Amino acid sequence: MNSFLGTVLMASPQQQGQSPWSSLIPLLLIMVVFYFFLIRPQMKRQKELKNFRDSLKKGDRIITAGGIYGKINNISDNVITVDVGNNILLKVDKSSVMRDNTDVENQQK
């Protein structure tokens, strides 16, 4: 194992006249690409979802993360009571609400 490590280290000789910044530029470029294509859009989606959850009110149609369709019957701090039909009420956590039902109804038409 030590001989393999020595071979790998000797195979890539250090260049004497090279600036340390030239080796960091590709790493910084990769970090910028990750930020703009992965991190920033995810933060935007999370912010939109938080605003949607904060704007929920009684009577809104929702879909939970588990795929339960229903209408909001009551909202407290973090618990939403959802009417799923036939007077069946379910208590779900506010963070499990993913979107409203109108998006799905508009796509089906």
Protein backbone atom coordinates (compact mmCIF):
# COMPACT_ATOMS: atom_id res chain seq x y z
CA MET A 1 0.00 0.00 0.00
CA ASN A 2 2.82 2.39 0.85
CA SER A 3 4.59 1.61 -2.42
CA PHE A 4 1.39 2.41 -4.35
CA LEU A 5 1.05 5.77 -2.59
CA GLY A 6 4.69 6.56 -3.30
CA THR A 7 4.25 5.67 -6.95
CA VAL A 8 1.22 7.92 -7.29
CA LEU A 9 2.97 10.83 -5.61
CA MET A 10 6.05 10.46 -7.79
CA ALA A 11 3.94 10.16 -10.95
CA SER A 12 2.61 13.69 -10.51
CA PRO A 13 5.67 15.90 -10.13
CA GLN A 14 5.19 19.32 -8.58
CA GLN A 15 5.80 22.20 -10.92
CA GLN A 16 8.10 24.81 -9.43
CA GLY A 17 7.01 27.91 -11.33
CA GLN A 18 3.26 27.37 -11.13
CA SER A 19 1.12 29.76 -9.10
CA PRO A 20 -1.06 28.24 -6.36
CA TRP A 21 -4.03 30.18 -7.73
CA SER A 22 -3.96 28.32 -11.02
CA SER A 23 -4.78 25.07 -9.23
CA LEU A 24 -7.64 26.67 -7.29
CA ILE A 25 -9.38 28.22 -10.30
CA PRO A 26 -11.03 24.94 -11.49
CA LEU A 27 -12.21 24.20 -7.95
CA LEU A 28 -13.74 27.67 -7.61
CA LEU A 29 -15.37 27.33 -11.01
CA ILE A 30 -16.98 24.03 -9.97
CA MET A 31 -18.27 25.63 -6.77
CA VAL A 32 -19.84 28.51 -8.74
CA VAL A 33 -21.53 26.08 -11.14
CA PHE A 34 -22.91 24.02 -8.25
CA TYR A 35 -24.26 27.16 -6.60
CA PHE A 36 -26.09 28.48 -9.66
CA PHE A 37 -27.40 25.16 -10.99
CA LEU A 38 -28.14 23.21 -7.78
CA ILE A 39 -28.11 25.21 -4.56
CA ARG A 40 -29.79 28.46 -5.66
CA PRO A 41 -32.81 26.83 -7.41
CA GLN A 42 -33.38 24.51 -4.44
CA MET A 43 -33.36 27.46 -2.04
CA LYS A 44 -35.87 29.25 -4.29
CA ARG A 45 -38.21 26.22 -4.28
CA GLN A 46 -37.98 25.93 -0.50
CA LYS A 47 -38.83 29.62 -0.10
CA GLU A 48 -41.86 29.27 -2.43
CA LEU A 49 -43.07 26.20 -0.52
CA LYS A 50 -42.69 28.00 2.83
CA ASN A 51 -44.68 30.98 1.51
CA PHE A 52 -47.38 28.59 0.20
CA ARG A 53 -47.64 26.83 3.57
CA ASP A 54 -47.84 30.14 5.42
CA SER A 55 -50.64 31.35 3.13
CA LEU A 56 -52.90 28.32 3.67
CA LYS A 57 -56.39 29.04 4.97
CA LYS A 58 -59.58 27.18 5.80
CA GLY A 59 -61.29 25.78 2.70
CA ASP A 60 -58.15 25.43 0.55
CA ARG A 61 -57.72 22.17 -1.33
CA ILE A 62 -54.37 20.51 -0.69
CA ILE A 63 -52.29 17.43 -1.41
CA THR A 64 -50.04 16.03 1.32
CA ALA A 65 -46.63 14.44 0.87
CA GLY A 66 -48.29 11.05 1.34
CA GLY A 67 -50.67 11.68 -1.57
CA ILE A 68 -53.80 12.47 0.46
CA TYR A 69 -56.20 14.87 -1.27
CA GLY A 70 -58.42 16.96 0.93
CA LYS A 71 -59.80 20.30 2.00
CA ILE A 72 -58.51 22.22 5.01
CA ASN A 73 -61.02 22.19 7.85
CA ASN A 74 -58.93 23.82 10.59
CA ILE A 75 -55.42 25.23 10.98
CA SER A 76 -53.45 25.59 14.20
CA ASP A 77 -49.73 26.36 14.58
CA ASN A 78 -48.23 23.25 12.94
CA VAL A 79 -51.26 20.96 12.65
CA ILE A 80 -53.81 21.06 9.85
CA THR A 81 -57.11 19.19 10.04
CA VAL A 82 -57.98 17.92 6.56
CA ASP A 83 -61.44 16.78 5.47
CA VAL A 84 -60.89 13.91 3.03
CA GLY A 85 -64.57 13.21 2.35
CA ASN A 86 -67.55 11.61 4.13
CA ASN A 87 -66.76 13.74 7.21
CA ILE A 88 -63.45 11.96 7.75
CA LEU A 89 -60.98 14.34 9.34
CA LEU A 90 -57.23 13.74 9.41
CA LYS A 91 -54.67 15.68 11.37
CA VAL A 92 -51.48 16.25 9.39
CA ASP A 93 -48.36 18.25 10.05
CA LYS A 94 -48.17 21.53 8.16
CA SER A 95 -44.80 20.55 6.72
CA SER A 96 -46.37 17.56 4.93
CA VAL A 97 -48.52 19.80 2.71
CA MET A 98 -46.88 19.92 -0.70
CA ARG A 99 -49.20 21.82 -3.04
CA ASP A 100 -52.77 22.77 -3.69
CA ASN A 101 -55.22 20.59 -5.56
CA THR A 102 -56.05 23.20 -8.21
CA ASP A 103 -52.71 22.61 -9.96
CA VAL A 104 -53.63 18.99 -10.62
CA GLU A 105 -57.20 19.83 -11.71
CA ASN A 106 -55.89 22.40 -14.22
CA GLN A 107 -53.42 19.90 -15.69
CA GLN A 108 -56.14 17.28 -16.23
CA LYS A 109 -58.36 19.61 -18.28
